[in-house]
Amino acid sequence: MSVVKVAYLASFQSFTGKESERIPVRENETFEDLMKRLSARYGTRFARRLDEHLAIVFLNGEQIVGNPILNDHDEILFAVLVGGG
């Protein structure tokens, strides 16, 4: 089984109580599959932050586009969008 590292910034740390964690993923598990598990684990505030497009997510340093299949040693980072002007 593969393992990915998931890191959390800002409000995601308060939702999860963690700065990061290592999560086992099944063969051919996608980002959306992982999101369902994380949303079930950490609740509606976690999921809502993503659904309302108030976050940006990176996979191995690149913004996630689509629904990639996760691989062993991938690194995912959840960050909060910040606006200003």
C-alpha atoms as a PDB file:
ATOM      1  CA  MET A   1       0.000   0.000   0.000  1.00  0.00           C
ATOM      2  CA  SER A   2       1.239   3.477  -0.861  1.00  0.00           C
ATOM      3  CA  VAL A   3       1.499   6.367   1.586  1.00  0.00           C
ATOM      4  CA  VAL A   4       1.061  10.079   0.880  1.00  0.00           C
ATOM      5  CA  LYS A   5       2.056  12.989   3.084  1.00  0.00           C
ATOM      6  CA  VAL A   6      -0.699  15.534   3.664  1.00  0.00           C
ATOM      7  CA  ALA A   7       0.210  18.941   5.123  1.00  0.00           C
ATOM      8  CA  TYR A   8      -2.214  21.544   6.439  1.00  0.00           C
ATOM      9  CA  LEU A   9      -1.797  25.315   6.707  1.00  0.00           C
ATOM     10  CA  ALA A  10      -3.826  27.971   8.540  1.00  0.00           C
ATOM     11  CA  SER A  11      -7.434  27.003   9.304  1.00  0.00           C
ATOM     12  CA  PHE A  12      -6.869  23.472   8.011  1.00  0.00           C
ATOM     13  CA  GLN A  13      -4.561  22.941  10.988  1.00  0.00           C
ATOM     14  CA  SER A  14      -7.348  23.963  13.352  1.00  0.00           C
ATOM     15  CA  PHE A  15      -9.843  21.648  11.603  1.00  0.00           C
ATOM     16  CA  THR A  16      -7.486  18.662  11.758  1.00  0.00           C
ATOM     17  CA  GLY A  17      -5.459  19.433  14.877  1.00  0.00           C
ATOM     18  CA  LYS A  18      -2.340  18.539  12.863  1.00  0.00           C
ATOM     19  CA  GLU A  19       0.349  20.190  10.793  1.00  0.00           C
ATOM     20  CA  SER A  20       0.716  17.076   8.657  1.00  0.00           C
ATOM     21  CA  GLU A  21       0.050  13.367   8.546  1.00  0.00           C
ATOM     22  CA  ARG A  22       0.900  10.324   6.483  1.00  0.00           C
ATOM     23  CA  ILE A  23      -2.099   8.554   4.989  1.00  0.00           C
ATOM     24  CA  PRO A  24      -2.164   5.132   3.316  1.00  0.00           C
ATOM     25  CA  VAL A  25      -3.805   5.130  -0.113  1.00  0.00           C
ATOM     26  CA  ARG A  26      -5.015   2.205  -2.147  1.00  0.00           C
ATOM     27  CA  GLU A  27      -3.781   1.386  -5.634  1.00  0.00           C
ATOM     28  CA  ASN A  28      -5.418   3.752  -8.155  1.00  0.00           C
ATOM     29  CA  GLU A  29      -6.902   5.915  -5.382  1.00  0.00           C
ATOM     30  CA  THR A  30      -7.611   9.393  -6.702  1.00  0.00           C
ATOM     31  CA  PHE A  31      -7.450  12.794  -5.080  1.00  0.00           C
ATOM     32  CA  GLU A  32     -11.265  12.889  -4.899  1.00  0.00           C
ATOM     33  CA  ASP A  33     -11.267   9.523  -3.113  1.00  0.00           C
ATOM     34  CA  LEU A  34      -8.872  10.912  -0.531  1.00  0.00           C
ATOM     35  CA  MET A  35     -10.953  14.090  -0.188  1.00  0.00           C
ATOM     36  CA  LYS A  36     -14.026  12.027   0.676  1.00  0.00           C
ATOM     37  CA  ARG A  37     -12.092  10.246   3.418  1.00  0.00           C
ATOM     38  CA  LEU A  38     -10.647  13.486   4.816  1.00  0.00           C
ATOM     39  CA  SER A  39     -14.045  15.205   4.752  1.00  0.00           C
ATOM     40  CA  ALA A  40     -15.607  12.264   6.607  1.00  0.00           C
ATOM     41  CA  ARG A  41     -12.776  12.317   9.147  1.00  0.00           C
ATOM     42  CA  TYR A  42     -12.573  16.082   9.755  1.00  0.00           C
ATOM     43  CA  GLY A  43     -16.154  17.190   9.216  1.00  0.00           C
ATOM     44  CA  THR A  44     -18.182  19.749   7.395  1.00  0.00           C
ATOM     45  CA  ARG A  45     -15.912  22.753   8.046  1.00  0.00           C
ATOM     46  CA  PHE A  46     -13.062  20.985   6.258  1.00  0.00           C
ATOM     47  CA  ALA A  47     -15.252  20.018   3.301  1.00  0.00           C
ATOM     48  CA  ARG A  48     -16.988  23.394   3.128  1.00  0.00           C
ATOM     49  CA  ARG A  49     -13.674  25.254   2.906  1.00  0.00           C
ATOM     50  CA  LEU A  50     -12.930  23.277  -0.254  1.00  0.00           C
ATOM     51  CA  ASP A  51     -16.450  23.388  -1.686  1.00  0.00           C
ATOM     52  CA  GLU A  52     -16.604  27.174  -1.372  1.00  0.00           C
ATOM     53  CA  HIS A  53     -13.291  27.528  -3.228  1.00  0.00           C
ATOM     54  CA  LEU A  54     -11.655  29.138  -0.202  1.00  0.00           C
ATOM     55  CA  ALA A  55      -8.631  26.880  -0.436  1.00  0.00           C
ATOM     56  CA  ILE A  56      -5.888  25.925  -2.797  1.00  0.00           C
ATOM     57  CA  VAL A  57      -4.436  22.432  -2.903  1.00  0.00           C
ATOM     58  CA  PHE A  58      -1.035  21.414  -4.234  1.00  0.00           C
ATOM     59  CA  LEU A  59       0.255  18.005  -5.265  1.00  0.00           C
ATOM     60  CA  ASN A  60       4.042  17.751  -5.275  1.00  0.00           C
ATOM     61  CA  GLY A  61       4.348  21.542  -5.481  1.00  0.00           C
ATOM     62  CA  GLU A  62       1.882  22.037  -8.345  1.00  0.00           C
ATOM     63  CA  GLN A  63      -1.719  23.187  -8.026  1.00  0.00           C
ATOM     64  CA  ILE A  64      -4.008  20.189  -8.405  1.00  0.00           C
ATOM     65  CA  VAL A  65      -5.883  20.094 -11.686  1.00  0.00           C
ATOM     66  CA  GLY A  66      -8.516  17.445 -12.302  1.00  0.00           C
ATOM     67  CA  ASN A  67      -8.561  14.251 -10.279  1.00  0.00           C
ATOM     68  CA  PRO A  68      -5.070  12.736 -10.327  1.00  0.00           C
ATOM     69  CA  ILE A  69      -4.259   9.231  -9.165  1.00  0.00           C
ATOM     70  CA  LEU A  70      -2.148   9.340  -6.021  1.00  0.00           C
ATOM     71  CA  ASN A  71       1.224   7.617  -5.865  1.00  0.00           C
ATOM     72  CA  ASP A  72       3.550   6.502  -3.108  1.00  0.00           C
ATOM     73  CA  HIS A  73       5.421   9.438  -1.529  1.00  0.00           C
ATOM     74  CA  ASP A  74       3.183  12.121  -3.086  1.00  0.00           C
ATOM     75  CA  GLU A  75       2.901  15.295  -1.022  1.00  0.00           C
ATOM     76  CA  ILE A  76      -0.385  17.187  -0.753  1.00  0.00           C
ATOM     77  CA  LEU A  77      -0.655  20.652   0.765  1.00  0.00           C
ATOM     78  CA  PHE A  78      -3.917  22.329   1.802  1.00  0.00           C
ATOM     79  CA  ALA A  79      -3.679  26.131   2.040  1.00  0.00           C
ATOM     80  CA  VAL A  80      -6.224  28.911   2.496  1.00  0.00           C
ATOM     81  CA  LEU A  81      -6.684  31.554  -0.168  1.00  0.00           C
ATOM     82  CA  VAL A  82      -5.886  35.041   1.055  1.00  0.00           C
ATOM     83  CA  GLY A  83      -7.307  38.110  -0.612  1.00  0.00           C
ATOM     84  CA  GLY A  84      -6.404  41.700  -0.284  1.00  0.00           C
ATOM     85  CA  GLY A  85      -5.930  44.800  -2.168  1.00  0.00           C
END
